[in-house]
PDB file of N, CA and C in Angstrom:
ATOM      1  N   MET A   1      79.578  27.630   9.381  1.00  0.00           N
ATOM      2  CA  MET A   1      78.390  28.349   8.955  1.00  0.00           C
ATOM      3  C   MET A   1      77.947  29.379   9.978  1.00  0.00           C
ATOM      4  N   LEU A   2      78.158  29.088  11.248  1.00  0.00           N
ATOM      5  CA  LEU A   2      77.655  29.990  12.278  1.00  0.00           C
ATOM      6  C   LEU A   2      78.567  31.176  12.528  1.00  0.00           C
ATOM      7  N   ASP A   3      79.833  31.056  12.135  1.00  0.00           N
ATOM      8  CA  ASP A   3      80.767  32.142  12.394  1.00  0.00           C
ATOM      9  C   ASP A   3      80.455  33.361  11.532  1.00  0.00           C
ATOM     10  N   GLY A   4      80.607  34.522  12.136  1.00  0.00           N
ATOM     11  CA  GLY A   4      80.420  35.769  11.404  1.00  0.00           C
ATOM     12  C   GLY A   4      78.971  36.204  11.335  1.00  0.00           C
ATOM     13  N   PRO A   5      78.758  37.404  10.862  1.00  0.00           N
ATOM     14  CA  PRO A   5      77.396  37.924  10.749  1.00  0.00           C
ATOM     15  C   PRO A   5      76.662  37.321   9.544  1.00  0.00           C
ATOM     16  N   HIS A   6      75.361  37.293   9.645  1.00  0.00           N
ATOM     17  CA  HIS A   6      74.507  36.780   8.567  1.00  0.00           C
ATOM     18  C   HIS A   6      73.505  37.878   8.221  1.00  0.00           C
ATOM     19  N   PHE A   7      73.532  38.315   6.970  1.00  0.00           N
ATOM     20  CA  PHE A   7      72.697  39.419   6.526  1.00  0.00           C
ATOM     21  C   PHE A   7      71.545  38.915   5.672  1.00  0.00           C
ATOM     22  N   PHE A   8      70.388  39.540   5.851  1.00  0.00           N
ATOM     23  CA  PHE A   8      69.209  39.229   5.051  1.00  0.00           C
ATOM     24  C   PHE A   8      68.601  40.540   4.575  1.00  0.00           C
ATOM     25  N   GLU A   9      68.505  40.665   3.256  1.00  0.00           N
ATOM     26  CA  GLU A   9      67.903  41.863   2.673  1.00  0.00           C
ATOM     27  C   GLU A   9      66.391  41.735   2.647  1.00  0.00           C
ATOM     28  N   CYS A  10      65.738  42.857   2.716  1.00  0.00           N
ATOM     29  CA  CYS A  10      64.284  42.904   2.577  1.00  0.00           C
ATOM     30  C   CYS A  10      63.917  42.650   1.110  1.00  0.00           C
ATOM     31  N   ALA A  11      62.736  42.158   0.886  1.00  0.00           N
ATOM     32  CA  ALA A  11      62.263  41.903  -0.476  1.00  0.00           C
ATOM     33  C   ALA A  11      62.178  43.184  -1.300  1.00  0.00           C
ATOM     34  N   CYS A  12      62.107  44.334  -0.641  1.00  0.00           N
ATOM     35  CA  CYS A  12      62.035  45.602  -1.380  1.00  0.00           C
ATOM     36  C   CYS A  12      63.424  46.112  -1.763  1.00  0.00           C
ATOM     37  N   TYR A  13      64.488  45.460  -1.268  1.00  0.00           N
ATOM     38  CA  TYR A  13      65.889  45.796  -1.559  1.00  0.00           C
ATOM     39  C   TYR A  13      66.306  47.181  -1.062  1.00  0.00           C
ATOM     40  N   SER A  14      65.587  47.720  -0.111  1.00  0.00           N
ATOM     41  CA  SER A  14      65.974  49.000   0.477  1.00  0.00           C
ATOM     42  C   SER A  14      67.155  48.786   1.416  1.00  0.00           C
ATOM     43  N   ASP A  15      68.152  49.678   1.365  1.00  0.00           N
ATOM     44  CA  ASP A  15      69.287  49.598   2.278  1.00  0.00           C
ATOM     45  C   ASP A  15      68.852  49.797   3.730  1.00  0.00           C
ATOM     46  N   GLU A  16      67.713  50.419   3.923  1.00  0.00           N
ATOM     47  CA  GLU A  16      67.218  50.674   5.271  1.00  0.00           C
ATOM     48  C   GLU A  16      66.514  49.457   5.866  1.00  0.00           C
ATOM     49  N   HIS A  17      66.308  48.424   5.083  1.00  0.00           N
ATOM     50  CA  HIS A  17      65.623  47.224   5.562  1.00  0.00           C
ATOM     51  C   HIS A  17      66.571  46.034   5.493  1.00  0.00           C
ATOM     52  N   LEU A  18      67.609  46.078   6.288  1.00  0.00           N
ATOM     53  CA  LEU A  18      68.612  45.022   6.319  1.00  0.00           C
ATOM     54  C   LEU A  18      68.605  44.400   7.709  1.00  0.00           C
ATOM     55  N   LEU A  19      68.487  43.086   7.767  1.00  0.00           N
ATOM     56  CA  LEU A  19      68.450  42.365   9.028  1.00  0.00           C
ATOM     57  C   LEU A  19      69.765  41.604   9.182  1.00  0.00           C
ATOM     58  N   LYS A  20      70.377  41.711  10.351  1.00  0.00           N
ATOM     59  CA  LYS A  20      71.671  41.078  10.607  1.00  0.00           C
ATOM     60  C   LYS A  20      71.544  40.214  11.861  1.00  0.00           C
ATOM     61  N   PHE A  21      72.023  38.968  11.761  1.00  0.00           N
ATOM     62  CA  PHE A  21      72.053  38.067  12.910  1.00  0.00           C
ATOM     63  C   PHE A  21      73.502  37.727  13.222  1.00  0.00           C
ATOM     64  N   VAL A  22      73.835  37.738  14.507  1.00  0.00           N
ATOM     65  CA  VAL A  22      75.161  37.340  14.971  1.00  0.00           C
ATOM     66  C   VAL A  22      74.953  36.349  16.113  1.00  0.00           C
ATOM     67  N   TYR A  23      75.625  35.212  16.008  1.00  0.00           N
ATOM     68  CA  TYR A  23      75.509  34.171  17.028  1.00  0.00           C
ATOM     69  C   TYR A  23      76.771  34.153  17.876  1.00  0.00           C
ATOM     70  N   ASP A  24      76.607  34.269  19.175  1.00  0.00           N
ATOM     71  CA  ASP A  24      77.720  34.192  20.118  1.00  0.00           C
ATOM     72  C   ASP A  24      77.785  32.750  20.615  1.00  0.00           C
ATOM     73  N   LYS A  25      78.730  31.969  20.069  1.00  0.00           N
ATOM     74  CA  LYS A  25      78.824  30.543  20.396  1.00  0.00           C
ATOM     75  C   LYS A  25      79.151  30.321  21.870  1.00  0.00           C
ATOM     76  N   LYS A  26      79.933  31.199  22.456  1.00  0.00           N
ATOM     77  CA  LYS A  26      80.340  31.031  23.848  1.00  0.00           C
ATOM     78  C   LYS A  26      79.147  31.179  24.798  1.00  0.00           C
ATOM     79  N   GLU A  27      78.327  32.172  24.556  1.00  0.00           N
ATOM     80  CA  GLU A  27      77.187  32.457  25.430  1.00  0.00           C
ATOM     81  C   GLU A  27      75.869  31.852  24.916  1.00  0.00           C
ATOM     82  N   HIS A  28      75.900  31.293  23.720  1.00  0.00           N
ATOM     83  CA  HIS A  28      74.696  30.748  23.070  1.00  0.00           C
ATOM     84  C   HIS A  28      73.594  31.806  23.001  1.00  0.00           C
ATOM     85  N   GLU A  29      73.978  32.971  22.503  1.00  0.00           N
ATOM     86  CA  GLU A  29      73.037  34.076  22.341  1.00  0.00           C
ATOM     87  C   GLU A  29      72.992  34.491  20.883  1.00  0.00           C
ATOM     88  N   ILE A  30      71.816  34.877  20.458  1.00  0.00           N
ATOM     89  CA  ILE A  30      71.615  35.349  19.093  1.00  0.00           C
ATOM     90  C   ILE A  30      71.282  36.831  19.164  1.00  0.00           C
ATOM     91  N   TYR A  31      72.044  37.622  18.428  1.00  0.00           N
ATOM     92  CA  TYR A  31      71.788  39.058  18.356  1.00  0.00           C
ATOM     93  C   TYR A  31      71.144  39.361  17.011  1.00  0.00           C
ATOM     94  N   ALA A  32      70.055  40.073  17.050  1.00  0.00           N
ATOM     95  CA  ALA A  32      69.396  40.519  15.825  1.00  0.00           C
ATOM     96  C   ALA A  32      69.527  42.037  15.767  1.00  0.00           C
ATOM     97  N   ILE A  33      70.042  42.527  14.658  1.00  0.00           N
ATOM     98  CA  ILE A  33      70.262  43.956  14.491  1.00  0.00           C
ATOM     99  C   ILE A  33      69.511  44.400  13.248  1.00  0.00           C
ATOM    100  N   MET A  34      68.710  45.436  13.387  1.00  0.00           N
ATOM    101  CA  MET A  34      67.961  45.962  12.247  1.00  0.00           C
ATOM    102  C   MET A  34      68.223  47.453  12.156  1.00  0.00           C
ATOM    103  N   PHE A  35      68.543  47.898  10.963  1.00  0.00           N
ATOM    104  CA  PHE A  35      68.763  49.316  10.723  1.00  0.00           C
ATOM    105  C   PHE A  35      67.457  50.062  10.969  1.00  0.00           C
ATOM    106  N   LEU A  36      67.529  51.161  11.708  1.00  0.00           N
ATOM    107  CA  LEU A  36      66.338  51.967  11.952  1.00  0.00           C
ATOM    108  C   LEU A  36      66.391  53.201  11.068  1.00  0.00           C
ATOM    109  N   SER A  37      65.358  53.411  10.339  1.00  0.00           N
ATOM    110  CA  SER A  37      65.273  54.534   9.420  1.00  0.00           C
ATOM    111  C   SER A  37      65.345  55.849  10.190  1.00  0.00           C
ATOM    112  N   ALA A  38      66.173  56.757   9.709  1.00  0.00           N
ATOM    113  CA  ALA A  38      66.381  58.023  10.404  1.00  0.00           C
ATOM    114  C   ALA A  38      65.240  59.017  10.176  1.00  0.00           C
ATOM    115  N   GLY A  39      64.782  59.157   8.978  1.00  0.00           N
ATOM    116  CA  GLY A  39      63.726  60.126   8.675  1.00  0.00           C
ATOM    117  C   GLY A  39      64.260  61.551   8.655  1.00  0.00           C
ATOM    118  N   PRO A  40      63.409  62.506   8.315  1.00  0.00           N
ATOM    119  CA  PRO A  40      63.828  63.912   8.276  1.00  0.00           C
ATOM    120  C   PRO A  40      64.220  64.411   9.676  1.00  0.00           C
ATOM    121  N   TRP A  41      65.081  65.401   9.723  1.00  0.00           N
ATOM    122  CA  TRP A  41      65.602  65.908  10.987  1.00  0.00           C
ATOM    123  C   TRP A  41      64.506  66.369  11.925  1.00  0.00           C
ATOM    124  N   TYR A  42      63.464  67.008  11.387  1.00  0.00           N
ATOM    125  CA  TYR A  42      62.414  67.555  12.244  1.00  0.00           C
ATOM    126  C   TYR A  42      61.568  66.445  12.874  1.00  0.00           C
ATOM    127  N   LYS A  43      61.409  65.312  12.188  1.00  0.00           N
ATOM    128  CA  LYS A  43      60.671  64.191  12.783  1.00  0.00           C
ATOM    129  C   LYS A  43      61.505  63.544  13.887  1.00  0.00           C
ATOM    130  N   ARG A  44      62.815  63.429  13.657  1.00  0.00           N
ATOM    131  CA  ARG A  44      63.687  62.867  14.681  1.00  0.00           C
ATOM    132  C   ARG A  44      63.721  63.774  15.909  1.00  0.00           C
ATOM    133  N   LEU A  45      63.730  65.084  15.675  1.00  0.00           N
ATOM    134  CA  LEU A  45      63.715  66.044  16.773  1.00  0.00           C
ATOM    135  C   LEU A  45      62.421  65.918  17.571  1.00  0.00           C
ATOM    136  N   TRP A  46      61.306  65.768  16.870  1.00  0.00           N
ATOM    137  CA  TRP A  46      60.001  65.640  17.532  1.00  0.00           C
ATOM    138  C   TRP A  46      59.961  64.356  18.382  1.00  0.00           C
ATOM    139  N   VAL A  47      60.446  63.254  17.848  1.00  0.00           N
ATOM    140  CA  VAL A  47      60.496  61.995  18.599  1.00  0.00           C
ATOM    141  C   VAL A  47      61.399  62.155  19.821  1.00  0.00           C
ATOM    142  N   ALA A  48      62.546  62.823  19.654  1.00  0.00           N
ATOM    143  CA  ALA A  48      63.467  63.048  20.774  1.00  0.00           C
ATOM    144  C   ALA A  48      62.823  63.907  21.855  1.00  0.00           C
ATOM    145  N   MET A  49      62.104  64.938  21.462  1.00  0.00           N
ATOM    146  CA  MET A  49      61.420  65.815  22.425  1.00  0.00           C
ATOM    147  C   MET A  49      60.387  65.027  23.225  1.00  0.00           C
ATOM    148  N   LYS A  50      59.612  64.205  22.539  1.00  0.00           N
ATOM    149  CA  LYS A  50      58.602  63.398  23.234  1.00  0.00           C
ATOM    150  C   LYS A  50      59.275  62.412  24.188  1.00  0.00           C
ATOM    151  N   TYR A  51      60.400  61.826  23.759  1.00  0.00           N
ATOM    152  CA  TYR A  51      61.126  60.889  24.610  1.00  0.00           C
ATOM    153  C   TYR A  51      61.628  61.589  25.881  1.00  0.00           C
ATOM    154  N   LEU A  52      62.204  62.782  25.718  1.00  0.00           N
ATOM    155  CA  LEU A  52      62.723  63.531  26.862  1.00  0.00           C
ATOM    156  C   LEU A  52      61.620  63.920  27.840  1.00  0.00           C
ATOM    157  N   CYS A  53      60.421  64.097  27.320  1.00  0.00           N
ATOM    158  CA  CYS A  53      59.281  64.468  28.173  1.00  0.00           C
ATOM    159  C   CYS A  53      58.595  63.254  28.778  1.00  0.00           C
ATOM    160  N   GLY A  54      59.091  62.059  28.484  1.00  0.00           N
ATOM    161  CA  GLY A  54      58.546  60.854  29.089  1.00  0.00           C
ATOM    162  C   GLY A  54      57.398  60.210  28.327  1.00  0.00           C
ATOM    163  N   TYR A  55      57.093  60.680  27.124  1.00  0.00           N
ATOM    164  CA  TYR A  55      56.005  60.092  26.335  1.00  0.00           C
ATOM    165  C   TYR A  55      56.401  58.696  25.864  1.00  0.00           C
ATOM    166  N   LYS A  56      55.501  57.748  26.046  1.00  0.00           N
ATOM    167  CA  LYS A  56      55.729  56.389  25.574  1.00  0.00           C
ATOM    168  C   LYS A  56      54.509  55.946  24.781  1.00  0.00           C
ATOM    169  N   CYS A  57      54.726  55.621  23.546  1.00  0.00           N
ATOM    170  CA  CYS A  57      53.648  55.114  22.704  1.00  0.00           C
ATOM    171  C   CYS A  57      53.353  53.680  23.122  1.00  0.00           C
ATOM    172  N   LYS A  58      52.087  53.331  23.255  1.00  0.00           N
ATOM    173  CA  LYS A  58      51.752  51.970  23.680  1.00  0.00           C
ATOM    174  C   LYS A  58      52.107  50.937  22.620  1.00  0.00           C
ATOM    175  N   TYR A  59      52.338  51.382  21.379  1.00  0.00           N
ATOM    176  CA  TYR A  59      52.694  50.456  20.306  1.00  0.00           C
ATOM    177  C   TYR A  59      54.199  50.383  20.068  1.00  0.00           C
ATOM    178  N   GLY A  60      54.979  51.285  20.643  1.00  0.00           N
ATOM    179  CA  GLY A  60      56.421  51.282  20.443  1.00  0.00           C
ATOM    180  C   GLY A  60      56.789  51.815  19.068  1.00  0.00           C
ATOM    181  N   HIS A  61      58.041  51.651  18.704  1.00  0.00           N
ATOM    182  CA  HIS A  61      58.533  52.085  17.405  1.00  0.00           C
ATOM    183  C   HIS A  61      58.759  50.845  16.553  1.00  0.00           C
ATOM    184  N   TRP A  62      58.200  50.839  15.384  1.00  0.00           N
ATOM    185  CA  TRP A  62      58.263  49.661  14.526  1.00  0.00           C
ATOM    186  C   TRP A  62      58.849  49.984  13.176  1.00  0.00           C
ATOM    187  N   GLY A  63      59.559  49.031  12.646  1.00  0.00           N
ATOM    188  CA  GLY A  63      60.014  49.052  11.272  1.00  0.00           C
ATOM    189  C   GLY A  63      59.467  47.790  10.626  1.00  0.00           C
ATOM    190  N   SER A  64      59.793  47.574   9.419  1.00  0.00           N
ATOM    191  CA  SER A  64      59.311  46.351   8.784  1.00  0.00           C
ATOM    192  C   SER A  64      60.411  45.747   7.915  1.00  0.00           C
ATOM    193  N   TRP A  65      60.303  44.450   7.723  1.00  0.00           N
ATOM    194  CA  TRP A  65      61.249  43.702   6.913  1.00  0.00           C
ATOM    195  C   TRP A  65      60.493  42.520   6.340  1.00  0.00           C
ATOM    196  N   LEU A  66      60.604  42.310   5.043  1.00  0.00           N
ATOM    197  CA  LEU A  66      59.902  41.234   4.356  1.00  0.00           C
ATOM    198  C   LEU A  66      60.932  40.265   3.795  1.00  0.00           C
ATOM    199  N   MET A  67      60.859  38.998   4.243  1.00  0.00           N
ATOM    200  CA  MET A  67      61.836  38.009   3.807  1.00  0.00           C
ATOM    201  C   MET A  67      61.670  37.696   2.331  1.00  0.00           C
ATOM    202  N   ARG A  68      62.801  37.612   1.635  1.00  0.00           N
ATOM    203  CA  ARG A  68      62.792  37.195   0.238  1.00  0.00           C
ATOM    204  C   ARG A  68      62.656  35.674   0.192  1.00  0.00           C
ATOM    205  N   THR A  69      61.886  35.167  -0.722  1.00  0.00           N
ATOM    206  CA  THR A  69      61.646  33.730  -0.843  1.00  0.00           C
ATOM    207  C   THR A  69      62.950  32.964  -1.000  1.00  0.00           C
ATOM    208  N   GLU A  70      63.885  33.509  -1.766  1.00  0.00           N
ATOM    209  CA  GLU A  70      65.153  32.807  -2.004  1.00  0.00           C
ATOM    210  C   GLU A  70      66.041  32.729  -0.755  1.00  0.00           C
ATOM    211  N   ASP A  71      65.744  33.498   0.294  1.00  0.00           N
ATOM    212  CA  ASP A  71      66.529  33.461   1.524  1.00  0.00           C
ATOM    213  C   ASP A  71      65.946  32.525   2.582  1.00  0.00           C
ATOM    214  N   LEU A  72      64.781  31.982   2.335  1.00  0.00           N
ATOM    215  CA  LEU A  72      64.108  31.164   3.343  1.00  0.00           C
ATOM    216  C   LEU A  72      64.952  29.959   3.765  1.00  0.00           C
ATOM    217  N   GLY A  73      65.526  29.225   2.818  1.00  0.00           N
ATOM    218  CA  GLY A  73      66.353  28.066   3.146  1.00  0.00           C
ATOM    219  C   GLY A  73      67.570  28.444   3.962  1.00  0.00           C
ATOM    220  N   ARG A  74      68.219  29.548   3.619  1.00  0.00           N
ATOM    221  CA  ARG A  74      69.403  30.017   4.346  1.00  0.00           C
ATOM    222  C   ARG A  74      69.029  30.448   5.770  1.00  0.00           C
ATOM    223  N   PHE A  75      67.872  31.064   5.912  1.00  0.00           N
ATOM    224  CA  PHE A  75      67.368  31.500   7.210  1.00  0.00           C
ATOM    225  C   PHE A  75      67.113  30.288   8.113  1.00  0.00           C
ATOM    226  N   ILE A  76      66.440  29.285   7.582  1.00  0.00           N
ATOM    227  CA  ILE A  76      66.144  28.070   8.344  1.00  0.00           C
ATOM    228  C   ILE A  76      67.437  27.346   8.710  1.00  0.00           C
ATOM    229  N   ALA A  77      68.369  27.233   7.763  1.00  0.00           N
ATOM    230  CA  ALA A  77      69.648  26.564   8.022  1.00  0.00           C
ATOM    231  C   ALA A  77      70.435  27.276   9.120  1.00  0.00           C
ATOM    232  N   LEU A  78      70.405  28.600   9.131  1.00  0.00           N
ATOM    233  CA  LEU A  78      71.122  29.368  10.150  1.00  0.00           C
ATOM    234  C   LEU A  78      70.599  29.040  11.545  1.00  0.00           C
ATOM    235  N   PHE A  79      69.289  29.098  11.731  1.00  0.00           N
ATOM    236  CA  PHE A  79      68.722  28.853  13.048  1.00  0.00           C
ATOM    237  C   PHE A  79      68.755  27.379  13.433  1.00  0.00           C
ATOM    238  N   THR A  80      68.657  26.491  12.468  1.00  0.00           N
ATOM    239  CA  THR A  80      68.808  25.059  12.756  1.00  0.00           C
ATOM    240  C   THR A  80      70.221  24.773  13.237  1.00  0.00           C
ATOM    241  N   GLY A  81      71.220  25.360  12.583  1.00  0.00           N
ATOM    242  CA  GLY A  81      72.611  25.190  13.001  1.00  0.00           C
ATOM    243  C   GLY A  81      72.857  25.738  14.393  1.00  0.00           C
ATOM    244  N   MET A  82      72.263  26.874  14.702  1.00  0.00           N
ATOM    245  CA  MET A  82      72.418  27.456  16.032  1.00  0.00           C
ATOM    246  C   MET A  82      71.774  26.558  17.084  1.00  0.00           C
ATOM    247  N   LYS A  83      70.611  26.028  16.775  1.00  0.00           N
ATOM    248  CA  LYS A  83      69.919  25.135  17.706  1.00  0.00           C
ATOM    249  C   LYS A  83      70.738  23.875  17.953  1.00  0.00           C
ATOM    250  N   GLU A  84      71.258  23.284  16.898  1.00  0.00           N
ATOM    251  CA  GLU A  84      72.070  22.074  17.034  1.00  0.00           C
ATOM    252  C   GLU A  84      73.339  22.347  17.836  1.00  0.00           C
ATOM    253  N   ASP A  85      73.953  23.500  17.626  1.00  0.00           N
ATOM    254  CA  ASP A  85      75.158  23.862  18.372  1.00  0.00           C
ATOM    255  C   ASP A  85      74.857  23.984  19.863  1.00  0.00           C
ATOM    256  N   CYS A  86      73.719  24.553  20.201  1.00  0.00           N
ATOM    257  CA  CYS A  86      73.341  24.715  21.608  1.00  0.00           C
ATOM    258  C   CYS A  86      73.016  23.381  22.265  1.00  0.00           C
ATOM    259  N   GLU A  87      72.571  22.417  21.496  1.00  0.00           N
ATOM    260  CA  GLU A  87      72.156  21.127  22.047  1.00  0.00           C
ATOM    261  C   GLU A  87      73.291  20.107  22.155  1.00  0.00           C
ATOM    262  N   LYS A  88      74.467  20.423  21.642  1.00  0.00           N
ATOM    263  CA  LYS A  88      75.610  19.512  21.723  1.00  0.00           C
ATOM    264  C   LYS A  88      75.955  19.279  23.193  1.00  0.00           C
ATOM    265  N   PRO A  89      76.248  18.026  23.588  1.00  0.00           N
ATOM    266  CA  PRO A  89      76.560  17.746  24.987  1.00  0.00           C
ATOM    267  C   PRO A  89      77.732  18.565  25.520  1.00  0.00           C
ATOM    268  N   SER A  90      78.724  18.852  24.712  1.00  0.00           N
ATOM    269  CA  SER A  90      79.869  19.629  25.180  1.00  0.00           C
ATOM    270  C   SER A  90      79.531  21.091  25.422  1.00  0.00           C
ATOM    271  N   ASN A  91      78.386  21.555  24.936  1.00  0.00           N
ATOM    272  CA  ASN A  91      77.999  22.958  25.083  1.00  0.00           C
ATOM    273  C   ASN A  91      77.000  23.184  26.211  1.00  0.00           C
ATOM    274  N   ARG A  92      76.570  22.125  26.845  1.00  0.00           N
ATOM    275  CA  ARG A  92      75.603  22.300  27.940  1.00  0.00           C
ATOM    276  C   ARG A  92      76.306  22.814  29.186  1.00  0.00           C
ATOM    277  N   ASP A  93      75.587  23.646  29.927  1.00  0.00           N
ATOM    278  CA  ASP A  93      76.159  24.211  31.165  1.00  0.00           C
ATOM    279  C   ASP A  93      76.110  23.207  32.278  1.00  0.00           C
TER     280      ASP A  93
END
């Protein structure tokens, strides 16, 4: 169950709101990857210009993702499996 990537779609079904989890069994690390919306070229250019000038928003850059009710069990099972794998005596450092 833990092998390979695990994808979760947003409740709005937008391709831009896709959450991906990858578990590294060797290092016991969980990677979360979320697609970041590109937006129009001029907005991306404006954000890049502000970044180059050292501007930092105190709130950061945020996207959103809403879990679908039907994915809740799969989400819990994924993280429960990862937790159990990390707690196995053979996996302790």
